Amino acid sequence: MKKTVLYFIILTINISYCQKQRAGQPYAQPDLLIWKKDTIQIQTFPLYCLSKFDQSKLFGNKNVKPECWGCLKNYTAEWKIIKDKLYLSNIYSFNFKKDSIKADLNELFPNKIKNNLVSVDWYSGNLFVPKGENIWMSQSPGFPIYESEWNLTLKKGKIENAVFKTGNYHKSIYTQDPKEIVSFIDNQLDQETRTKLKNKRISIIFKTGKSKNNYSVSIKGINDKNLEMKLINTLKKLPDFDFYYRHGEELNLTIPVTYIDNRP
């Protein structure tokens, strides 16, 4: 009887804070953007670009702390785009639905606020606005990868360019159902190769790329170079594999698979 064990692990994630994405950062509570009559959760945080920003001072003497594992922000900022300009309209506590605490924008921005809106003239960079369907890359902490997104380029808070990108991810059957990898290997390999692989614990490492055919494969646990290359070349024949884009950049995800063949 054959026994095959598969482990799929996503090792690297990116979260954009100010302008630059940083690999491996913990999950951060999204901000809100009101644009074109929609309210959208975003993972770009213009407040982090504000000189001498200190979130501990947002709510005066009120003690507001994030209440979830891995969360960094104690607030949710609300932004609005009006006539191609970005404004800050509210800063809510992380737990606003329970404590109803909001920051006093008049106190925080006495020289920038007008009609209860703060002109975001300190922010120059990209603002990524997701759109369409999404998938979650991990359970905890996690963030969604959206099918499409707007990349808004701002200079001192004013939109200078807007680019819409779609087709940001492809999730193959091989990560949706690991048994498909087993089936593919079994159908491709000849009897001689299967015999050589018998009772071996093999680590197959997939690295995602820019498209469904732009992935790489490496093998650990095989001392026979010819056998190793044969298995790699076999796996390179997969008709497709995963790819993921977020905030305009490909996510380089390493997906290890442990394959144990205990075939009699």
C-alpha atoms as a PDB file:
ATOM      1  CA  MET A   1       0.000   0.000   0.000  1.00  0.00           C
ATOM      2  CA  LYS A   2       1.250   3.472  -0.822  1.00  0.00           C
ATOM      3  CA  LYS A   3       1.419   6.110   1.862  1.00  0.00           C
ATOM      4  CA  THR A   4       2.015   9.677   0.774  1.00  0.00           C
ATOM      5  CA  VAL A   5       2.339  12.607   3.153  1.00  0.00           C
ATOM      6  CA  LEU A   6       2.046  16.157   1.896  1.00  0.00           C
ATOM      7  CA  TYR A   7       2.760  19.401   3.764  1.00  0.00           C
ATOM      8  CA  PHE A   8       1.923  22.749   2.162  1.00  0.00           C
ATOM      9  CA  ILE A   9       3.299  25.781   4.014  1.00  0.00           C
ATOM     10  CA  ILE A  10       3.373  29.399   2.908  1.00  0.00           C
ATOM     11  CA  LEU A  11       6.579  30.890   4.243  1.00  0.00           C
ATOM     12  CA  THR A  12       6.666  34.526   3.169  1.00  0.00           C
ATOM     13  CA  ILE A  13       4.062  37.275   3.227  1.00  0.00           C
ATOM     14  CA  ASN A  14       4.234  40.988   2.512  1.00  0.00           C
ATOM     15  CA  ILE A  15       2.344  43.859   4.081  1.00  0.00           C
ATOM     16  CA  SER A  16       2.616  47.415   2.803  1.00  0.00           C
ATOM     17  CA  TYR A  17       2.941  50.024   5.532  1.00  0.00           C
ATOM     18  CA  CYS A  18       3.832  53.414   4.093  1.00  0.00           C
ATOM     19  CA  GLN A  19       5.043  53.109   0.524  1.00  0.00           C
ATOM     20  CA  LYS A  20       7.225  50.024   0.650  1.00  0.00           C
ATOM     21  CA  GLN A  21       6.148  46.439   1.164  1.00  0.00           C
ATOM     22  CA  ARG A  22       7.989  44.648   3.943  1.00  0.00           C
ATOM     23  CA  ALA A  23       8.276  40.884   3.993  1.00  0.00           C
ATOM     24  CA  GLY A  24       7.292  38.991   7.108  1.00  0.00           C
ATOM     25  CA  GLN A  25       5.441  41.801   8.890  1.00  0.00           C
ATOM     26  CA  PRO A  26       2.556  40.731  11.148  1.00  0.00           C
ATOM     27  CA  TYR A  27      -1.013  41.369  10.093  1.00  0.00           C
ATOM     28  CA  ALA A  28      -2.262  44.943  10.456  1.00  0.00           C
ATOM     29  CA  GLN A  29      -5.880  46.060  10.806  1.00  0.00           C
ATOM     30  CA  PRO A  30      -6.916  47.566   7.430  1.00  0.00           C
ATOM     31  CA  ASP A  31      -7.712  51.235   6.971  1.00  0.00           C
ATOM     32  CA  LEU A  32     -10.871  52.360   5.169  1.00  0.00           C
ATOM     33  CA  LEU A  33     -11.054  54.306   1.920  1.00  0.00           C
ATOM     34  CA  ILE A  34     -14.242  55.972   0.668  1.00  0.00           C
ATOM     35  CA  TRP A  35     -13.940  56.337  -3.104  1.00  0.00           C
ATOM     36  CA  LYS A  36     -16.505  56.350  -5.899  1.00  0.00           C
ATOM     37  CA  LYS A  37     -19.321  55.732  -3.380  1.00  0.00           C
ATOM     38  CA  ASP A  38     -17.608  52.557  -2.140  1.00  0.00           C
ATOM     39  CA  THR A  39     -16.020  51.928   1.258  1.00  0.00           C
ATOM     40  CA  ILE A  40     -12.977  49.713   0.740  1.00  0.00           C
ATOM     41  CA  GLN A  41     -10.524  48.078   3.127  1.00  0.00           C
ATOM     42  CA  ILE A  42      -6.934  48.982   2.215  1.00  0.00           C
ATOM     43  CA  GLN A  43      -3.550  47.821   3.470  1.00  0.00           C
ATOM     44  CA  THR A  44      -1.584  50.978   2.681  1.00  0.00           C
ATOM     45  CA  PHE A  45      -1.244  53.267   5.689  1.00  0.00           C
ATOM     46  CA  PRO A  46      -0.507  56.959   4.935  1.00  0.00           C
ATOM     47  CA  LEU A  47      -0.385  57.864   8.632  1.00  0.00           C
ATOM     48  CA  TYR A  48       2.884  55.918   8.914  1.00  0.00           C
ATOM     49  CA  CYS A  49       4.413  58.428   6.485  1.00  0.00           C
ATOM     50  CA  LEU A  50       3.494  61.344   8.719  1.00  0.00           C
ATOM     51  CA  SER A  51       6.517  62.920  10.393  1.00  0.00           C
ATOM     52  CA  LYS A  52       6.824  61.908  14.065  1.00  0.00           C
ATOM     53  CA  PHE A  53       3.710  59.756  13.903  1.00  0.00           C
ATOM     54  CA  ASP A  54       2.925  58.158  17.277  1.00  0.00           C
ATOM     55  CA  GLN A  55      -0.220  56.028  17.488  1.00  0.00           C
ATOM     56  CA  SER A  56      -0.098  56.049  21.309  1.00  0.00           C
ATOM     57  CA  LYS A  57      -1.060  59.748  21.190  1.00  0.00           C
ATOM     58  CA  LEU A  58      -4.008  59.454  18.789  1.00  0.00           C
ATOM     59  CA  PHE A  59      -6.681  59.210  21.483  1.00  0.00           C
ATOM     60  CA  GLY A  60      -5.327  61.516  24.190  1.00  0.00           C
ATOM     61  CA  ASN A  61      -5.372  59.937  27.631  1.00  0.00           C
ATOM     62  CA  LYS A  62      -7.666  57.089  26.574  1.00  0.00           C
ATOM     63  CA  ASN A  63      -5.936  53.732  26.695  1.00  0.00           C
ATOM     64  CA  VAL A  64      -6.602  52.100  23.321  1.00  0.00           C
ATOM     65  CA  LYS A  65      -4.773  48.890  22.436  1.00  0.00           C
ATOM     66  CA  PRO A  66      -5.232  46.329  19.661  1.00  0.00           C
ATOM     67  CA  GLU A  67      -7.065  43.263  20.921  1.00  0.00           C
ATOM     68  CA  CYS A  68      -5.947  40.494  18.609  1.00  0.00           C
ATOM     69  CA  TRP A  69      -2.873  38.327  18.261  1.00  0.00           C
ATOM     70  CA  GLY A  70      -0.259  39.807  15.942  1.00  0.00           C
ATOM     71  CA  CYS A  71      -2.075  43.140  15.446  1.00  0.00           C
ATOM     72  CA  LEU A  72       0.120  46.236  15.440  1.00  0.00           C
ATOM     73  CA  LYS A  73      -2.300  49.110  14.950  1.00  0.00           C
ATOM     74  CA  ASN A  74      -4.588  50.444  17.656  1.00  0.00           C
ATOM     75  CA  TYR A  75      -6.657  52.435  15.151  1.00  0.00           C
ATOM     76  CA  THR A  76      -8.510  52.347  11.847  1.00  0.00           C
ATOM     77  CA  ALA A  77      -8.084  55.461   9.738  1.00  0.00           C
ATOM     78  CA  GLU A  78     -10.806  56.497   7.315  1.00  0.00           C
ATOM     79  CA  TRP A  79      -9.762  58.228   4.102  1.00  0.00           C
ATOM     80  CA  LYS A  80     -11.715  59.909   1.322  1.00  0.00           C
ATOM     81  CA  ILE A  81     -10.803  60.727  -2.270  1.00  0.00           C
ATOM     82  CA  ILE A  82     -12.573  63.875  -3.413  1.00  0.00           C
ATOM     83  CA  LYS A  83     -11.800  65.364  -6.807  1.00  0.00           C
ATOM     84  CA  ASP A  84      -8.580  63.335  -7.065  1.00  0.00           C
ATOM     85  CA  LYS A  85      -7.308  64.497  -3.677  1.00  0.00           C
ATOM     86  CA  LEU A  86      -6.817  62.361  -0.581  1.00  0.00           C
ATOM     87  CA  TYR A  87      -8.299  63.452   2.750  1.00  0.00           C
ATOM     88  CA  LEU A  88      -8.334  61.977   6.248  1.00  0.00           C
ATOM     89  CA  SER A  89     -11.905  61.987   7.572  1.00  0.00           C
ATOM     90  CA  ASN A  90     -11.773  59.917  10.790  1.00  0.00           C
ATOM     91  CA  ILE A  91      -9.523  57.882  13.061  1.00  0.00           C
ATOM     92  CA  TYR A  92     -11.406  55.182  14.962  1.00  0.00           C
ATOM     93  CA  SER A  93     -10.113  53.091  17.828  1.00  0.00           C
ATOM     94  CA  PHE A  94      -9.305  49.479  17.000  1.00  0.00           C
ATOM     95  CA  ASN A  95     -12.348  48.435  19.025  1.00  0.00           C
ATOM     96  CA  PHE A  96     -14.625  51.294  17.965  1.00  0.00           C
ATOM     97  CA  LYS A  97     -17.775  49.151  17.792  1.00  0.00           C
ATOM     98  CA  LYS A  98     -17.434  48.514  21.520  1.00  0.00           C
ATOM     99  CA  ASP A  99     -15.829  51.657  22.943  1.00  0.00           C
ATOM    100  CA  SER A 100     -17.023  54.323  20.396  1.00  0.00           C
ATOM    101  CA  ILE A 101     -13.689  56.143  20.724  1.00  0.00           C
ATOM    102  CA  LYS A 102     -12.564  58.438  17.905  1.00  0.00           C
ATOM    103  CA  ALA A 103      -9.554  60.706  17.611  1.00  0.00           C
ATOM    104  CA  ASP A 104     -10.041  64.483  17.727  1.00  0.00           C
ATOM    105  CA  LEU A 105      -8.819  65.581  14.298  1.00  0.00           C
ATOM    106  CA  ASN A 106      -9.036  69.254  15.273  1.00  0.00           C
ATOM    107  CA  GLU A 107      -6.549  68.628  18.056  1.00  0.00           C
ATOM    108  CA  LEU A 108      -4.239  66.404  16.004  1.00  0.00           C
ATOM    109  CA  PHE A 109      -4.247  68.539  12.830  1.00  0.00           C
ATOM    110  CA  PRO A 110      -5.160  72.125  13.853  1.00  0.00           C
ATOM    111  CA  ASN A 111      -3.518  73.651  10.753  1.00  0.00           C
ATOM    112  CA  LYS A 112      -4.662  71.105   8.169  1.00  0.00           C
ATOM    113  CA  ILE A 113      -8.355  70.480   8.897  1.00  0.00           C
ATOM    114  CA  LYS A 114     -11.190  72.129   6.995  1.00  0.00           C
ATOM    115  CA  ASN A 115     -14.834  71.039   6.943  1.00  0.00           C
ATOM    116  CA  ASN A 116     -13.880  68.063   9.141  1.00  0.00           C
ATOM    117  CA  LEU A 117     -11.397  66.820   6.526  1.00  0.00           C
ATOM    118  CA  VAL A 118      -7.609  66.777   6.776  1.00  0.00           C
ATOM    119  CA  SER A 119      -5.702  67.404   3.552  1.00  0.00           C
ATOM    120  CA  VAL A 120      -3.119  64.629   3.233  1.00  0.00           C
ATOM    121  CA  ASP A 121      -0.374  66.800   1.774  1.00  0.00           C
ATOM    122  CA  TRP A 122       2.363  64.794   3.527  1.00  0.00           C
ATOM    123  CA  TYR A 123       1.790  61.641   1.473  1.00  0.00           C
ATOM    124  CA  SER A 124       3.544  60.916  -1.799  1.00  0.00           C
ATOM    125  CA  GLY A 125       3.616  57.351  -3.059  1.00  0.00           C
ATOM    126  CA  ASN A 126       1.313  54.534  -4.096  1.00  0.00           C
ATOM    127  CA  LEU A 127      -2.125  53.813  -2.731  1.00  0.00           C
ATOM    128  CA  PHE A 128      -3.359  50.318  -3.572  1.00  0.00           C
ATOM    129  CA  VAL A 129      -7.113  49.897  -3.768  1.00  0.00           C
ATOM    130  CA  PRO A 130      -8.381  46.290  -4.081  1.00  0.00           C
ATOM    131  CA  LYS A 131     -11.338  45.308  -6.222  1.00  0.00           C
ATOM    132  CA  GLY A 132     -13.179  42.080  -7.072  1.00  0.00           C
ATOM    133  CA  GLU A 133     -12.955  38.582  -5.647  1.00  0.00           C
ATOM    134  CA  ASN A 134     -10.293  37.627  -3.135  1.00  0.00           C
ATOM    135  CA  ILE A 135      -8.645  34.626  -1.561  1.00  0.00           C
ATOM    136  CA  TRP A 136      -6.930  34.320   1.807  1.00  0.00           C
ATOM    137  CA  MET A 137      -3.307  33.264   1.777  1.00  0.00           C
ATOM    138  CA  SER A 138      -3.146  32.077   5.380  1.00  0.00           C
ATOM    139  CA  GLN A 139      -5.495  31.590   8.291  1.00  0.00           C
ATOM    140  CA  SER A 140      -3.791  33.446  11.145  1.00  0.00           C
ATOM    141  CA  PRO A 141      -2.571  36.055  10.690  1.00  0.00           C
ATOM    142  CA  GLY A 142      -3.816  36.529   7.165  1.00  0.00           C
ATOM    143  CA  PHE A 143      -4.593  38.968   4.425  1.00  0.00           C
ATOM    144  CA  PRO A 144      -6.509  38.659   1.172  1.00  0.00           C
ATOM    145  CA  ILE A 145      -5.123  38.640  -2.350  1.00  0.00           C
ATOM    146  CA  TYR A 146      -7.606  40.410  -4.625  1.00  0.00           C
ATOM    147  CA  GLU A 147      -8.383  39.542  -8.207  1.00  0.00           C
ATOM    148  CA  SER A 148      -7.848  43.175  -9.231  1.00  0.00           C
ATOM    149  CA  GLU A 149      -6.522  46.406  -7.753  1.00  0.00           C
ATOM    150  CA  TRP A 150      -6.012  50.073  -8.518  1.00  0.00           C
ATOM    151  CA  ASN A 151      -2.543  51.518  -8.115  1.00  0.00           C
ATOM    152  CA  LEU A 152      -3.025  55.218  -7.432  1.00  0.00           C
ATOM    153  CA  THR A 153       0.156  57.292  -7.575  1.00  0.00           C
ATOM    154  CA  LEU A 154      -0.073  60.346  -5.344  1.00  0.00           C
ATOM    155  CA  LYS A 155       2.123  63.399  -4.965  1.00  0.00           C
ATOM    156  CA  LYS A 156       1.490  65.427  -1.830  1.00  0.00           C
ATOM    157  CA  GLY A 157      -1.939  63.845  -1.544  1.00  0.00           C
ATOM    158  CA  LYS A 158      -3.063  64.444  -5.124  1.00  0.00           C
ATOM    159  CA  ILE A 159      -3.615  61.597  -7.612  1.00  0.00           C
ATOM    160  CA  GLU A 160      -1.257  61.962 -10.561  1.00  0.00           C
ATOM    161  CA  ASN A 161      -1.743  58.542 -12.141  1.00  0.00           C
ATOM    162  CA  ALA A 162      -4.156  55.604 -11.835  1.00  0.00           C
ATOM    163  CA  VAL A 163      -3.427  52.113 -13.175  1.00  0.00           C
ATOM    164  CA  PHE A 164      -5.861  49.201 -12.949  1.00  0.00           C
ATOM    165  CA  LYS A 165      -4.464  45.650 -12.905  1.00  0.00           C
ATOM    166  CA  THR A 166      -6.499  42.472 -12.990  1.00  0.00           C
ATOM    167  CA  GLY A 167      -5.667  38.753 -12.981  1.00  0.00           C
ATOM    168  CA  ASN A 168      -3.635  39.036  -9.784  1.00  0.00           C
ATOM    169  CA  TYR A 169      -3.703  35.378  -8.795  1.00  0.00           C
ATOM    170  CA  HIS A 170      -4.132  31.825  -9.982  1.00  0.00           C
ATOM    171  CA  LYS A 171      -4.654  28.988  -7.523  1.00  0.00           C
ATOM    172  CA  SER A 172      -3.959  25.644  -9.162  1.00  0.00           C
ATOM    173  CA  ILE A 173      -5.577  22.321  -8.384  1.00  0.00           C
ATOM    174  CA  TYR A 174      -2.232  21.183  -6.991  1.00  0.00           C
ATOM    175  CA  THR A 175      -2.498  23.458  -3.966  1.00  0.00           C
ATOM    176  CA  GLN A 176      -6.258  23.164  -3.683  1.00  0.00           C
ATOM    177  CA  ASP A 177      -6.054  19.359  -3.558  1.00  0.00           C
ATOM    178  CA  PRO A 178      -2.560  17.948  -2.755  1.00  0.00           C
ATOM    179  CA  LYS A 179      -3.630  14.501  -3.996  1.00  0.00           C
ATOM    180  CA  GLU A 180      -3.414  15.926  -7.516  1.00  0.00           C
ATOM    181  CA  ILE A 181       0.387  16.223  -7.120  1.00  0.00           C
ATOM    182  CA  VAL A 182       0.531  12.560  -6.107  1.00  0.00           C
ATOM    183  CA  SER A 183      -1.592  11.542  -9.069  1.00  0.00           C
ATOM    184  CA  PHE A 184       0.516  13.570 -11.493  1.00  0.00           C
ATOM    185  CA  ILE A 185       3.786  12.053 -10.256  1.00  0.00           C
ATOM    186  CA  ASP A 186       2.370   8.516 -10.365  1.00  0.00           C
ATOM    187  CA  ASN A 187       1.097   8.958 -13.926  1.00  0.00           C
ATOM    188  CA  GLN A 188       4.354  10.441 -15.240  1.00  0.00           C
ATOM    189  CA  LEU A 189       7.041   8.217 -13.749  1.00  0.00           C
ATOM    190  CA  ASP A 190       8.082   4.866 -15.190  1.00  0.00           C
ATOM    191  CA  GLN A 191       8.339   1.677 -13.147  1.00  0.00           C
ATOM    192  CA  GLU A 192      12.141   1.861 -12.826  1.00  0.00           C
ATOM    193  CA  THR A 193      11.981   5.377 -11.355  1.00  0.00           C
ATOM    194  CA  ARG A 194       9.194   4.384  -8.995  1.00  0.00           C
ATOM    195  CA  THR A 195      11.329   1.515  -7.730  1.00  0.00           C
ATOM    196  CA  LYS A 196      14.237   3.885  -7.027  1.00  0.00           C
ATOM    197  CA  LEU A 197      11.938   6.241  -5.105  1.00  0.00           C
ATOM    198  CA  LYS A 198      10.465   3.474  -2.961  1.00  0.00           C
ATOM    199  CA  ASN A 199      10.578   4.193   0.804  1.00  0.00           C
ATOM    200  CA  LYS A 200      12.289   7.567   0.281  1.00  0.00           C
ATOM    201  CA  ARG A 201      11.274  10.746   2.101  1.00  0.00           C
ATOM    202  CA  ILE A 202      11.570  13.497  -0.467  1.00  0.00           C
ATOM    203  CA  SER A 203      11.123  17.254  -0.035  1.00  0.00           C
ATOM    204  CA  ILE A 204       9.756  18.952  -3.148  1.00  0.00           C
ATOM    205  CA  ILE A 205      10.012  22.735  -2.999  1.00  0.00           C
ATOM    206  CA  PHE A 206       7.908  24.855  -5.343  1.00  0.00           C
ATOM    207  CA  LYS A 207       8.577  28.574  -5.701  1.00  0.00           C
ATOM    208  CA  THR A 208       5.839  30.612  -7.337  1.00  0.00           C
ATOM    209  CA  GLY A 209       6.602  33.101 -10.101  1.00  0.00           C
ATOM    210  CA  LYS A 210       5.009  35.686 -12.343  1.00  0.00           C
ATOM    211  CA  SER A 211       2.523  33.432 -14.124  1.00  0.00           C
ATOM    212  CA  LYS A 212       0.999  29.956 -13.964  1.00  0.00           C
ATOM    213  CA  ASN A 213       3.897  28.492 -15.973  1.00  0.00           C
ATOM    214  CA  ASN A 214       6.642  30.513 -14.289  1.00  0.00           C
ATOM    215  CA  TYR A 215       7.377  28.394 -11.232  1.00  0.00           C
ATOM    216  CA  SER A 216      10.551  26.625 -10.125  1.00  0.00           C
ATOM    217  CA  VAL A 217      11.113  23.249  -8.497  1.00  0.00           C
ATOM    218  CA  SER A 218      13.932  21.918  -6.330  1.00  0.00           C
ATOM    219  CA  ILE A 219      14.357  18.571  -4.582  1.00  0.00           C
ATOM    220  CA  LYS A 220      15.913  17.522  -1.293  1.00  0.00           C
ATOM    221  CA  GLY A 221      16.415  14.006  -0.016  1.00  0.00           C
ATOM    222  CA  ILE A 222      17.733  12.342  -3.205  1.00  0.00           C
ATOM    223  CA  ASN A 223      21.456  11.564  -3.481  1.00  0.00           C
ATOM    224  CA  ASP A 224      21.199  10.390  -7.079  1.00  0.00           C
ATOM    225  CA  LYS A 225      21.596  13.460  -9.341  1.00  0.00           C
ATOM    226  CA  ASN A 226      20.075  11.756 -12.364  1.00  0.00           C
ATOM    227  CA  LEU A 227      17.058  10.672 -10.347  1.00  0.00           C
ATOM    228  CA  GLU A 228      16.737  14.149  -8.862  1.00  0.00           C
ATOM    229  CA  MET A 229      16.753  15.810 -12.295  1.00  0.00           C
ATOM    230  CA  LYS A 230      14.263  13.284 -13.632  1.00  0.00           C
ATOM    231  CA  LEU A 231      11.810  14.108 -10.869  1.00  0.00           C
ATOM    232  CA  ILE A 232      12.370  17.872 -11.296  1.00  0.00           C
ATOM    233  CA  ASN A 233      11.815  17.649 -15.061  1.00  0.00           C
ATOM    234  CA  THR A 234       8.660  15.637 -14.430  1.00  0.00           C
ATOM    235  CA  LEU A 235       7.261  18.272 -12.072  1.00  0.00           C
ATOM    236  CA  LYS A 236       8.130  21.019 -14.530  1.00  0.00           C
ATOM    237  CA  LYS A 237       5.573  19.429 -16.861  1.00  0.00           C
ATOM    238  CA  LEU A 238       2.713  20.476 -14.591  1.00  0.00           C
ATOM    239  CA  PRO A 239       0.253  22.298 -16.863  1.00  0.00           C
ATOM    240  CA  ASP A 240       0.011  25.159 -14.380  1.00  0.00           C
ATOM    241  CA  PHE A 241       0.882  26.235 -10.857  1.00  0.00           C
ATOM    242  CA  ASP A 242       0.014  29.050  -8.456  1.00  0.00           C
ATOM    243  CA  PHE A 243       0.997  32.683  -8.823  1.00  0.00           C
ATOM    244  CA  TYR A 244       0.013  35.663  -6.688  1.00  0.00           C
ATOM    245  CA  TYR A 245       0.333  39.440  -7.041  1.00  0.00           C
ATOM    246  CA  ARG A 246      -0.303  41.974  -4.321  1.00  0.00           C
ATOM    247  CA  HIS A 247       0.318  45.715  -4.359  1.00  0.00           C
ATOM    248  CA  GLY A 248       1.773  45.519  -7.838  1.00  0.00           C
ATOM    249  CA  GLU A 249       4.444  42.950  -7.002  1.00  0.00           C
ATOM    250  CA  GLU A 250       4.601  39.185  -7.311  1.00  0.00           C
ATOM    251  CA  LEU A 251       4.589  37.293  -4.032  1.00  0.00           C
ATOM    252  CA  ASN A 252       7.434  34.804  -3.939  1.00  0.00           C
ATOM    253  CA  LEU A 253       5.856  31.944  -2.032  1.00  0.00           C
ATOM    254  CA  THR A 254       7.810  28.842  -1.112  1.00  0.00           C
ATOM    255  CA  ILE A 255       5.596  25.763  -0.886  1.00  0.00           C
ATOM    256  CA  PRO A 256       7.341  22.648   0.454  1.00  0.00           C
ATOM    257  CA  VAL A 257       5.861  19.210  -0.176  1.00  0.00           C
ATOM    258  CA  THR A 258       6.997  16.076   1.657  1.00  0.00           C
ATOM    259  CA  TYR A 259       6.454  12.941  -0.419  1.00  0.00           C
ATOM    260  CA  ILE A 260       6.827   9.494   1.128  1.00  0.00           C
ATOM    261  CA  ASP A 261       6.313   6.471  -1.099  1.00  0.00           C
ATOM    262  CA  ASN A 262       5.835   3.234   0.861  1.00  0.00           C
ATOM    263  CA  ARG A 263       4.723   1.290  -2.179  1.00  0.00           C
ATOM    264  CA  PRO A 264       5.152  -2.499  -1.699  1.00  0.00           C
END
